Amino acid sequence: MDPFSVLSDPLRRRVVEDLARGPRTAGELTARAREVFAVSQPAVSNQLRVLRDAGFVRVTPQGSRRIYELDRAPLAEIDRWMARQRRFWNDQLDALDDSLDSHD
């Protein structure tokens, strides 16, 4: 699944945002997601699996707990794509600014 598809789901985006602040247990992520989205525990587990399979998170077992940590590689891919788009829009906006200035 491409990174944009992964982040198209609001629950998965929230998990990524939570993990950007640091590692979390599966229980913490589940509690937060259930609080915000009112979804079942199996639904949260499914979304965590999608994030893991897509390479957005790494999971480390710690006794009976699972610790989730953000893997920034897919986010770097998105950032590279956005940088290319930003260049295009910056050029377009600069041209518009020049055009508006010339009409003053």
PDB file of N, CA and C in Angstrom:
ATOM      1  N   MET A   1       0.856  -1.171   0.000  1.00  0.00           N
ATOM      2  CA  MET A   1       0.000   0.000   0.000  1.00  0.00           C
ATOM      3  C   MET A   1       0.902   1.234   0.000  1.00  0.00           C
ATOM      4  N   ASP A   2       0.581   2.197  -0.858  1.00  0.00           N
ATOM      5  CA  ASP A   2       1.418   3.390  -0.918  1.00  0.00           C
ATOM      6  C   ASP A   2       1.182   4.267   0.316  1.00  0.00           C
ATOM      7  N   PRO A   3       2.168   5.094   0.674  1.00  0.00           N
ATOM      8  CA  PRO A   3       2.064   5.894   1.898  1.00  0.00           C
ATOM      9  C   PRO A   3       0.842   6.800   1.962  1.00  0.00           C
ATOM     10  N   PHE A   4       0.422   7.340   0.822  1.00  0.00           N
ATOM     11  CA  PHE A   4      -0.742   8.230   0.835  1.00  0.00           C
ATOM     12  C   PHE A   4      -2.017   7.452   1.157  1.00  0.00           C
ATOM     13  N   SER A   5      -2.126   6.249   0.642  1.00  0.00           N
ATOM     14  CA  SER A   5      -3.288   5.410   0.963  1.00  0.00           C
ATOM     15  C   SER A   5      -3.310   5.057   2.439  1.00  0.00           C
ATOM     16  N   VAL A   6      -2.145   4.768   2.966  1.00  0.00           N
ATOM     17  CA  VAL A   6      -2.057   4.433   4.388  1.00  0.00           C
ATOM     18  C   VAL A   6      -2.559   5.604   5.231  1.00  0.00           C
ATOM     19  N   LEU A   7      -2.110   6.803   4.899  1.00  0.00           N
ATOM     20  CA  LEU A   7      -2.478   7.978   5.700  1.00  0.00           C
ATOM     21  C   LEU A   7      -3.843   8.550   5.345  1.00  0.00           C
ATOM     22  N   SER A   8      -4.519   7.962   4.377  1.00  0.00           N
ATOM     23  CA  SER A   8      -5.852   8.453   4.022  1.00  0.00           C
ATOM     24  C   SER A   8      -6.878   8.135   5.109  1.00  0.00           C
ATOM     25  N   ASP A   9      -6.572   7.186   5.960  1.00  0.00           N
ATOM     26  CA  ASP A   9      -7.493   6.816   7.037  1.00  0.00           C
ATOM     27  C   ASP A   9      -7.227   7.682   8.270  1.00  0.00           C
ATOM     28  N   PRO A  10      -8.245   8.362   8.806  1.00  0.00           N
ATOM     29  CA  PRO A  10      -8.034   9.264   9.944  1.00  0.00           C
ATOM     30  C   PRO A  10      -7.500   8.559  11.192  1.00  0.00           C
ATOM     31  N   LEU A  11      -7.917   7.342  11.435  1.00  0.00           N
ATOM     32  CA  LEU A  11      -7.436   6.621  12.612  1.00  0.00           C
ATOM     33  C   LEU A  11      -5.946   6.317  12.462  1.00  0.00           C
ATOM     34  N   ARG A  12      -5.529   5.882  11.282  1.00  0.00           N
ATOM     35  CA  ARG A  12      -4.107   5.607  11.071  1.00  0.00           C
ATOM     36  C   ARG A  12      -3.283   6.890  11.171  1.00  0.00           C
ATOM     37  N   ARG A  13      -3.815   8.000  10.638  1.00  0.00           N
ATOM     38  CA  ARG A  13      -3.099   9.279  10.782  1.00  0.00           C
ATOM     39  C   ARG A  13      -2.923   9.634  12.248  1.00  0.00           C
ATOM     40  N   ARG A  14      -3.962   9.423  13.040  1.00  0.00           N
ATOM     41  CA  ARG A  14      -3.890   9.740  14.472  1.00  0.00           C
ATOM     42  C   ARG A  14      -2.828   8.889  15.153  1.00  0.00           C
ATOM     43  N   VAL A  15      -2.773   7.614  14.813  1.00  0.00           N
ATOM     44  CA  VAL A  15      -1.758   6.736  15.407  1.00  0.00           C
ATOM     45  C   VAL A  15      -0.364   7.231  15.031  1.00  0.00           C
ATOM     46  N   VAL A  16      -0.164   7.603  13.770  1.00  0.00           N
ATOM     47  CA  VAL A  16       1.136   8.123  13.339  1.00  0.00           C
ATOM     48  C   VAL A  16       1.464   9.401  14.109  1.00  0.00           C
ATOM     49  N   GLU A  17       0.490  10.278  14.283  1.00  0.00           N
ATOM     50  CA  GLU A  17       0.710  11.508  15.052  1.00  0.00           C
ATOM     51  C   GLU A  17       1.086  11.186  16.497  1.00  0.00           C
ATOM     52  N   ASP A  18       0.391  10.227  17.099  1.00  0.00           N
ATOM     53  CA  ASP A  18       0.713   9.832  18.471  1.00  0.00           C
ATOM     54  C   ASP A  18       2.126   9.264  18.566  1.00  0.00           C
ATOM     55  N   LEU A  19       2.505   8.437  17.586  1.00  0.00           N
ATOM     56  CA  LEU A  19       3.831   7.830  17.611  1.00  0.00           C
ATOM     57  C   LEU A  19       4.935   8.817  17.277  1.00  0.00           C
ATOM     58  N   ALA A  20       4.598   9.919  16.628  1.00  0.00           N
ATOM     59  CA  ALA A  20       5.599  10.956  16.360  1.00  0.00           C
ATOM     60  C   ALA A  20       6.102  11.574  17.666  1.00  0.00           C
ATOM     61  N   ARG A  21       5.327  11.442  18.715  1.00  0.00           N
ATOM     62  CA  ARG A  21       5.714  11.966  20.038  1.00  0.00           C
ATOM     63  C   ARG A  21       6.555  10.966  20.815  1.00  0.00           C
ATOM     64  N   GLY A  22       6.636   9.724  20.314  1.00  0.00           N
ATOM     65  CA  GLY A  22       7.446   8.710  20.987  1.00  0.00           C
ATOM     66  C   GLY A  22       6.755   7.362  20.972  1.00  0.00           C
ATOM     67  N   PRO A  23       7.499   6.312  21.309  1.00  0.00           N
ATOM     68  CA  PRO A  23       6.935   4.954  21.322  1.00  0.00           C
ATOM     69  C   PRO A  23       5.751   4.842  22.274  1.00  0.00           C
ATOM     70  N   ARG A  24       4.815   3.974  21.927  1.00  0.00           N
ATOM     71  CA  ARG A  24       3.614   3.737  22.732  1.00  0.00           C
ATOM     72  C   ARG A  24       3.312   2.239  22.739  1.00  0.00           C
ATOM     73  N   THR A  25       2.677   1.808  23.791  1.00  0.00           N
ATOM     74  CA  THR A  25       2.235   0.417  23.825  1.00  0.00           C
ATOM     75  C   THR A  25       0.974   0.275  22.967  1.00  0.00           C
ATOM     76  N   ALA A  26       0.713  -0.955  22.574  1.00  0.00           N
ATOM     77  CA  ALA A  26      -0.514  -1.220  21.823  1.00  0.00           C
ATOM     78  C   ALA A  26      -1.723  -0.791  22.644  1.00  0.00           C
ATOM     79  N   GLY A  27      -1.680  -1.020  23.941  1.00  0.00           N
ATOM     80  CA  GLY A  27      -2.787  -0.632  24.815  1.00  0.00           C
ATOM     81  C   GLY A  27      -3.007   0.870  24.838  1.00  0.00           C
ATOM     82  N   GLU A  28      -1.928   1.636  24.894  1.00  0.00           N
ATOM     83  CA  GLU A  28      -2.053   3.099  24.873  1.00  0.00           C
ATOM     84  C   GLU A  28      -2.645   3.580  23.558  1.00  0.00           C
ATOM     85  N   LEU A  29      -2.138   3.029  22.462  1.00  0.00           N
ATOM     86  CA  LEU A  29      -2.647   3.429  21.148  1.00  0.00           C
ATOM     87  C   LEU A  29      -4.110   3.046  20.985  1.00  0.00           C
ATOM     88  N   THR A  30      -4.457   1.875  21.465  1.00  0.00           N
ATOM     89  CA  THR A  30      -5.846   1.411  21.375  1.00  0.00           C
ATOM     90  C   THR A  30      -6.767   2.288  22.207  1.00  0.00           C
ATOM     91  N   ALA A  31      -6.361   2.588  23.439  1.00  0.00           N
ATOM     92  CA  ALA A  31      -7.194   3.423  24.313  1.00  0.00           C
ATOM     93  C   ALA A  31      -7.417   4.797  23.691  1.00  0.00           C
ATOM     94  N   ARG A  32      -6.361   5.374  23.156  1.00  0.00           N
ATOM     95  CA  ARG A  32      -6.472   6.707  22.544  1.00  0.00           C
ATOM     96  C   ARG A  32      -7.389   6.670  21.321  1.00  0.00           C
ATOM     97  N   ALA A  33      -7.200   5.671  20.469  1.00  0.00           N
ATOM     98  CA  ALA A  33      -8.019   5.563  19.258  1.00  0.00           C
ATOM     99  C   ALA A  33      -9.478   5.310  19.599  1.00  0.00           C
ATOM    100  N   ARG A  34      -9.721   4.475  20.589  1.00  0.00           N
ATOM    101  CA  ARG A  34     -11.107   4.186  20.978  1.00  0.00           C
ATOM    102  C   ARG A  34     -11.770   5.418  21.564  1.00  0.00           C
ATOM    103  N   GLU A  35     -10.996   6.217  22.286  1.00  0.00           N
ATOM    104  CA  GLU A  35     -11.519   7.450  22.883  1.00  0.00           C
ATOM    105  C   GLU A  35     -11.909   8.460  21.805  1.00  0.00           C
ATOM    106  N   VAL A  36     -11.051   8.624  20.805  1.00  0.00           N
ATOM    107  CA  VAL A  36     -11.263   9.634  19.772  1.00  0.00           C
ATOM    108  C   VAL A  36     -12.253   9.171  18.710  1.00  0.00           C
ATOM    109  N   PHE A  37     -12.166   7.898  18.319  1.00  0.00           N
ATOM    110  CA  PHE A  37     -12.957   7.409  17.191  1.00  0.00           C
ATOM    111  C   PHE A  37     -14.088   6.458  17.567  1.00  0.00           C
ATOM    112  N   ALA A  38     -14.176   6.081  18.819  1.00  0.00           N
ATOM    113  CA  ALA A  38     -15.232   5.166  19.282  1.00  0.00           C
ATOM    114  C   ALA A  38     -15.287   3.895  18.430  1.00  0.00           C
ATOM    115  N   VAL A  39     -14.120   3.260  18.271  1.00  0.00           N
ATOM    116  CA  VAL A  39     -14.028   2.021  17.500  1.00  0.00           C
ATOM    117  C   VAL A  39     -13.669   0.871  18.438  1.00  0.00           C
ATOM    118  N   SER A  40     -13.858  -0.330  17.954  1.00  0.00           N
ATOM    119  CA  SER A  40     -13.561  -1.512  18.764  1.00  0.00           C
ATOM    120  C   SER A  40     -12.060  -1.781  18.809  1.00  0.00           C
ATOM    121  N   GLN A  41     -11.652  -2.566  19.790  1.00  0.00           N
ATOM    122  CA  GLN A  41     -10.250  -2.947  19.904  1.00  0.00           C
ATOM    123  C   GLN A  41      -9.784  -3.720  18.665  1.00  0.00           C
ATOM    124  N   PRO A  42     -10.590  -4.673  18.140  1.00  0.00           N
ATOM    125  CA  PRO A  42     -10.148  -5.361  16.924  1.00  0.00           C
ATOM    126  C   PRO A  42      -9.956  -4.412  15.731  1.00  0.00           C
ATOM    127  N   ALA A  43     -10.777  -3.373  15.647  1.00  0.00           N
ATOM    128  CA  ALA A  43     -10.628  -2.396  14.557  1.00  0.00           C
ATOM    129  C   ALA A  43      -9.295  -1.659  14.682  1.00  0.00           C
ATOM    130  N   VAL A  44      -8.932  -1.301  15.901  1.00  0.00           N
ATOM    131  CA  VAL A  44      -7.651  -0.623  16.123  1.00  0.00           C
ATOM    132  C   VAL A  44      -6.507  -1.577  15.796  1.00  0.00           C
ATOM    133  N   SER A  45      -6.612  -2.810  16.236  1.00  0.00           N
ATOM    134  CA  SER A  45      -5.569  -3.802  15.934  1.00  0.00           C
ATOM    135  C   SER A  45      -5.382  -3.967  14.439  1.00  0.00           C
ATOM    136  N   ASN A  46      -6.477  -3.962  13.703  1.00  0.00           N
ATOM    137  CA  ASN A  46      -6.404  -4.080  12.247  1.00  0.00           C
ATOM    138  C   ASN A  46      -5.640  -2.897  11.654  1.00  0.00           C
ATOM    139  N   GLN A  47      -5.911  -1.699  12.134  1.00  0.00           N
ATOM    140  CA  GLN A  47      -5.230  -0.509  11.610  1.00  0.00           C
ATOM    141  C   GLN A  47      -3.751  -0.508  11.995  1.00  0.00           C
ATOM    142  N   LEU A  48      -3.425  -1.006  13.180  1.00  0.00           N
ATOM    143  CA  LEU A  48      -2.021  -1.120  13.580  1.00  0.00           C
ATOM    144  C   LEU A  48      -1.297  -2.112  12.666  1.00  0.00           C
ATOM    145  N   ARG A  49      -1.981  -3.179  12.284  1.00  0.00           N
ATOM    146  CA  ARG A  49      -1.396  -4.161  11.369  1.00  0.00           C
ATOM    147  C   ARG A  49      -1.131  -3.521  10.000  1.00  0.00           C
ATOM    148  N   VAL A  50      -2.086  -2.717   9.519  1.00  0.00           N
ATOM    149  CA  VAL A  50      -1.895  -2.027   8.238  1.00  0.00           C
ATOM    150  C   VAL A  50      -0.654  -1.134   8.312  1.00  0.00           C
ATOM    151  N   LEU A  51      -0.514  -0.382   9.393  1.00  0.00           N
ATOM    152  CA  LEU A  51       0.645   0.495   9.559  1.00  0.00           C
ATOM    153  C   LEU A  51       1.945  -0.309   9.606  1.00  0.00           C
ATOM    154  N   ARG A  52       1.912  -1.428  10.298  1.00  0.00           N
ATOM    155  CA  ARG A  52       3.104  -2.291  10.380  1.00  0.00           C
ATOM    156  C   ARG A  52       3.442  -2.868   9.007  1.00  0.00           C
ATOM    157  N   ASP A  53       2.455  -3.409   8.326  1.00  0.00           N
ATOM    158  CA  ASP A  53       2.683  -4.019   7.009  1.00  0.00           C
ATOM    159  C   ASP A  53       3.176  -3.001   5.986  1.00  0.00           C
ATOM    160  N   ALA A  54       2.752  -1.743   6.127  1.00  0.00           N
ATOM    161  CA  ALA A  54       3.161  -0.683   5.197  1.00  0.00           C
ATOM    162  C   ALA A  54       4.504  -0.070   5.579  1.00  0.00           C
ATOM    163  N   GLY A  55       5.080  -0.496   6.691  1.00  0.00           N
ATOM    164  CA  GLY A  55       6.384  -0.011   7.100  1.00  0.00           C
ATOM    165  C   GLY A  55       6.375   1.282   7.882  1.00  0.00           C
ATOM    166  N   PHE A  56       5.195   1.737   8.318  1.00  0.00           N
ATOM    167  CA  PHE A  56       5.125   2.975   9.092  1.00  0.00           C
ATOM    168  C   PHE A  56       5.526   2.779  10.554  1.00  0.00           C
ATOM    169  N   VAL A  57       5.371   1.569  11.068  1.00  0.00           N
ATOM    170  CA  VAL A  57       5.697   1.310  12.467  1.00  0.00           C
ATOM    171  C   VAL A  57       6.526   0.037  12.592  1.00  0.00           C
ATOM    172  N   ARG A  58       7.319   0.021  13.663  1.00  0.00           N
ATOM    173  CA  ARG A  58       8.045  -1.178  14.077  1.00  0.00           C
ATOM    174  C   ARG A  58       7.448  -1.604  15.410  1.00  0.00           C
ATOM    175  N   VAL A  59       7.395  -2.886  15.628  1.00  0.00           N
ATOM    176  CA  VAL A  59       6.822  -3.417  16.858  1.00  0.00           C
ATOM    177  C   VAL A  59       7.891  -4.217  17.586  1.00  0.00           C
ATOM    178  N   THR A  60       8.038  -3.919  18.871  1.00  0.00           N
ATOM    179  CA  THR A  60       8.982  -4.644  19.709  1.00  0.00           C
ATOM    180  C   THR A  60       8.214  -5.289  20.854  1.00  0.00           C
ATOM    181  N   PRO A  61       8.241  -6.633  20.938  1.00  0.00           N
ATOM    182  CA  PRO A  61       7.591  -7.280  22.079  1.00  0.00           C
ATOM    183  C   PRO A  61       8.393  -6.997  23.353  1.00  0.00           C
ATOM    184  N   GLN A  62       7.686  -6.722  24.421  1.00  0.00           N
ATOM    185  CA  GLN A  62       8.302  -6.488  25.725  1.00  0.00           C
ATOM    186  C   GLN A  62       7.454  -7.225  26.748  1.00  0.00           C
ATOM    187  N   GLY A  63       7.811  -8.462  27.025  1.00  0.00           N
ATOM    188  CA  GLY A  63       6.973  -9.293  27.877  1.00  0.00           C
ATOM    189  C   GLY A  63       5.659  -9.555  27.170  1.00  0.00           C
ATOM    190  N   SER A  64       4.557  -9.252  27.843  1.00  0.00           N
ATOM    191  CA  SER A  64       3.239  -9.452  27.233  1.00  0.00           C
ATOM    192  C   SER A  64       2.764  -8.219  26.458  1.00  0.00           C
ATOM    193  N   ARG A  65       3.571  -7.166  26.465  1.00  0.00           N
ATOM    194  CA  ARG A  65       3.194  -5.934  25.774  1.00  0.00           C
ATOM    195  C   ARG A  65       3.905  -5.826  24.430  1.00  0.00           C
ATOM    196  N   ARG A  66       3.307  -5.034  23.551  1.00  0.00           N
ATOM    197  CA  ARG A  66       3.938  -4.700  22.275  1.00  0.00           C
ATOM    198  C   ARG A  66       4.158  -3.199  22.248  1.00  0.00           C
ATOM    199  N   ILE A  67       5.391  -2.816  21.976  1.00  0.00           N
ATOM    200  CA  ILE A  67       5.737  -1.397  21.896  1.00  0.00           C
ATOM    201  C   ILE A  67       5.815  -1.017  20.422  1.00  0.00           C
ATOM    202  N   TYR A  68       5.053   0.002  20.050  1.00  0.00           N
ATOM    203  CA  TYR A  68       5.032   0.501  18.676  1.00  0.00           C
ATOM    204  C   TYR A  68       5.887   1.756  18.599  1.00  0.00           C
ATOM    205  N   GLU A  69       6.661   1.828  17.521  1.00  0.00           N
ATOM    206  CA  GLU A  69       7.528   2.980  17.288  1.00  0.00           C
ATOM    207  C   GLU A  69       7.409   3.376  15.822  1.00  0.00           C
ATOM    208  N   LEU A  70       7.414   4.665  15.572  1.00  0.00           N
ATOM    209  CA  LEU A  70       7.284   5.182  14.212  1.00  0.00           C
ATOM    210  C   LEU A  70       8.557   4.911  13.413  1.00  0.00           C
ATOM    211  N   ASP A  71       8.393   4.443  12.189  1.00  0.00           N
ATOM    212  CA  ASP A  71       9.497   4.330  11.235  1.00  0.00           C
ATOM    213  C   ASP A  71       9.321   5.493  10.266  1.00  0.00           C
ATOM    214  N   ARG A  72      10.260   6.369  10.207  1.00  0.00           N
ATOM    215  CA  ARG A  72      10.116   7.621   9.451  1.00  0.00           C
ATOM    216  C   ARG A  72      10.343   7.484   7.947  1.00  0.00           C
ATOM    217  N   ALA A  73      10.783   6.325   7.470  1.00  0.00           N
ATOM    218  CA  ALA A  73      11.081   6.161   6.034  1.00  0.00           C
ATOM    219  C   ALA A  73       9.880   6.471   5.143  1.00  0.00           C
ATOM    220  N   PRO A  74       8.683   5.940   5.419  1.00  0.00           N
ATOM    221  CA  PRO A  74       7.547   6.291   4.554  1.00  0.00           C
ATOM    222  C   PRO A  74       7.198   7.773   4.613  1.00  0.00           C
ATOM    223  N   LEU A  75       7.399   8.398   5.768  1.00  0.00           N
ATOM    224  CA  LEU A  75       7.129   9.841   5.882  1.00  0.00           C
ATOM    225  C   LEU A  75       8.144  10.637   5.074  1.00  0.00           C
ATOM    226  N   ALA A  76       9.383  10.159   5.011  1.00  0.00           N
ATOM    227  CA  ALA A  76      10.398  10.826   4.205  1.00  0.00           C
ATOM    228  C   ALA A  76      10.027  10.746   2.724  1.00  0.00           C
ATOM    229  N   GLU A  77       9.450   9.615   2.308  1.00  0.00           N
ATOM    230  CA  GLU A  77       8.995   9.478   0.921  1.00  0.00           C
ATOM    231  C   GLU A  77       7.904  10.505   0.604  1.00  0.00           C
ATOM    232  N   ILE A  78       6.974  10.676   1.529  1.00  0.00           N
ATOM    233  CA  ILE A  78       5.915  11.676   1.352  1.00  0.00           C
ATOM    234  C   ILE A  78       6.513  13.077   1.317  1.00  0.00           C
ATOM    235  N   ASP A  79       7.483  13.338   2.183  1.00  0.00           N
ATOM    236  CA  ASP A  79       8.106  14.652   2.228  1.00  0.00           C
ATOM    237  C   ASP A  79       8.828  14.964   0.919  1.00  0.00           C
ATOM    238  N   ARG A  80       9.506  13.964   0.335  1.00  0.00           N
ATOM    239  CA  ARG A  80      10.172  14.187  -0.963  1.00  0.00           C
ATOM    240  C   ARG A  80       9.149  14.532  -2.041  1.00  0.00           C
ATOM    241  N   TRP A  81       8.021  13.828  -2.053  1.00  0.00           N
ATOM    242  CA  TRP A  81       6.975  14.123  -3.035  1.00  0.00           C
ATOM    243  C   TRP A  81       6.442  15.541  -2.829  1.00  0.00           C
ATOM    244  N   MET A  82       6.210  15.891  -1.556  1.00  0.00           N
ATOM    245  CA  MET A  82       5.681  17.226  -1.257  1.00  0.00           C
ATOM    246  C   MET A  82       6.678  18.316  -1.645  1.00  0.00           C
ATOM    247  N   ALA A  83       7.965  18.055  -1.481  1.00  0.00           N
ATOM    248  CA  ALA A  83       8.977  19.049  -1.853  1.00  0.00           C
ATOM    249  C   ALA A  83       8.909  19.339  -3.344  1.00  0.00           C
ATOM    250  N   ARG A  84       8.708  18.297  -4.143  1.00  0.00           N
ATOM    251  CA  ARG A  84       8.580  18.515  -5.591  1.00  0.00           C
ATOM    252  C   ARG A  84       7.340  19.354  -5.898  1.00  0.00           C
ATOM    253  N   GLN A  85       6.257  19.094  -5.196  1.00  0.00           N
ATOM    254  CA  GLN A  85       5.020  19.852  -5.429  1.00  0.00           C
ATOM    255  C   GLN A  85       5.173  21.291  -4.941  1.00  0.00           C
ATOM    256  N   ARG A  86       5.826  21.454  -3.808  1.00  0.00           N
ATOM    257  CA  ARG A  86       6.051  22.790  -3.262  1.00  0.00           C
ATOM    258  C   ARG A  86       6.832  23.655  -4.241  1.00  0.00           C
ATOM    259  N   ARG A  87       7.858  23.072  -4.867  1.00  0.00           N
ATOM    260  CA  ARG A  87       8.653  23.812  -5.846  1.00  0.00           C
ATOM    261  C   ARG A  87       7.759  24.330  -6.967  1.00  0.00           C
ATOM    262  N   PHE A  88       6.880  23.466  -7.463  1.00  0.00           N
ATOM    263  CA  PHE A  88       5.967  23.861  -8.530  1.00  0.00           C
ATOM    264  C   PHE A  88       5.087  25.014  -8.072  1.00  0.00           C
ATOM    265  N   TRP A  89       4.461  24.852  -6.895  1.00  0.00           N
ATOM    266  CA  TRP A  89       3.551  25.890  -6.428  1.00  0.00           C
ATOM    267  C   TRP A  89       4.280  27.176  -6.070  1.00  0.00           C
ATOM    268  N   ASN A  90       5.471  27.058  -5.498  1.00  0.00           N
ATOM    269  CA  ASN A  90       6.237  28.264  -5.190  1.00  0.00           C
ATOM    270  C   ASN A  90       6.558  29.039  -6.459  1.00  0.00           C
ATOM    271  N   ASP A  91       6.952  28.310  -7.524  1.00  0.00           N
ATOM    272  CA  ASP A  91       7.220  28.983  -8.804  1.00  0.00           C
ATOM    273  C   ASP A  91       5.962  29.672  -9.330  1.00  0.00           C
ATOM    274  N   GLN A  92       4.833  28.986  -9.251  1.00  0.00           N
ATOM    275  CA  GLN A  92       3.573  29.551  -9.734  1.00  0.00           C
ATOM    276  C   GLN A  92       3.163  30.773  -8.905  1.00  0.00           C
ATOM    277  N   LEU A  93       3.316  30.670  -7.605  1.00  0.00           N
ATOM    278  CA  LEU A  93       2.947  31.792  -6.740  1.00  0.00           C
ATOM    279  C   LEU A  93       3.894  32.975  -6.933  1.00  0.00           C
ATOM    280  N   ASP A  94       5.180  32.693  -7.163  1.00  0.00           N
ATOM    281  CA  ASP A  94       6.126  33.774  -7.442  1.00  0.00           C
ATOM    282  C   ASP A  94       5.751  34.491  -8.744  1.00  0.00           C
ATOM    283  N   ALA A  95       5.365  33.716  -9.755  1.00  0.00           N
ATOM    284  CA  ALA A  95       4.949  34.309 -11.036  1.00  0.00           C
ATOM    285  C   ALA A  95       3.700  35.164 -10.847  1.00  0.00           C
ATOM    286  N   LEU A  96       2.763  34.679 -10.048  1.00  0.00           N
ATOM    287  CA  LEU A  96       1.547  35.454  -9.774  1.00  0.00           C
ATOM    288  C   LEU A  96       1.909  36.745  -9.047  1.00  0.00           C
ATOM    289  N   ASP A  97       2.779  36.645  -8.074  1.00  0.00           N
ATOM    290  CA  ASP A  97       3.209  37.822  -7.322  1.00  0.00           C
ATOM    291  C   ASP A  97       3.860  38.845  -8.256  1.00  0.00           C
ATOM    292  N   ASP A  98       4.728  38.373  -9.160  1.00  0.00           N
ATOM    293  CA  ASP A  98       5.375  39.266 -10.132  1.00  0.00           C
ATOM    294  C   ASP A  98       4.339  39.937 -11.024  1.00  0.00           C
ATOM    295  N   SER A  99       3.366  39.138 -11.459  1.00  0.00           N
ATOM    296  CA  SER A  99       2.315  39.661 -12.329  1.00  0.00           C
ATOM    297  C   SER A  99       1.485  40.726 -11.619  1.00  0.00           C
ATOM    298  N   LEU A 100       1.140  40.468 -10.363  1.00  0.00           N
ATOM    299  CA  LEU A 100       0.355  41.432  -9.591  1.00  0.00           C
ATOM    300  C   LEU A 100       1.150  42.705  -9.341  1.00  0.00           C
ATOM    301  N   ASP A 101       2.467  42.546  -9.066  1.00  0.00           N
ATOM    302  CA  ASP A 101       3.315  43.718  -8.843  1.00  0.00           C
ATOM    303  C   ASP A 101       3.416  44.596 -10.082  1.00  0.00           C
ATOM    304  N   SER A 102       3.423  43.957 -11.253  1.00  0.00           N
ATOM    305  CA  SER A 102       3.566  44.724 -12.484  1.00  0.00           C
ATOM    306  C   SER A 102       2.303  45.510 -12.840  1.00  0.00           C
ATOM    307  N   HIS A 103       1.189  45.171 -12.188  1.00  0.00           N
ATOM    308  CA  HIS A 103      -0.067  45.883 -12.454  1.00  0.00           C
ATOM    309  C   HIS A 103      -0.349  46.999 -11.463  1.00  0.00           C
ATOM    310  N   ASP A 104       0.577  47.222 -10.550  1.00  0.00           N
ATOM    311  CA  ASP A 104       0.378  48.294  -9.564  1.00  0.00           C
ATOM    312  C   ASP A 104       0.634  49.646 -10.123  1.00  0.00           C
TER     313      ASP A 104
END
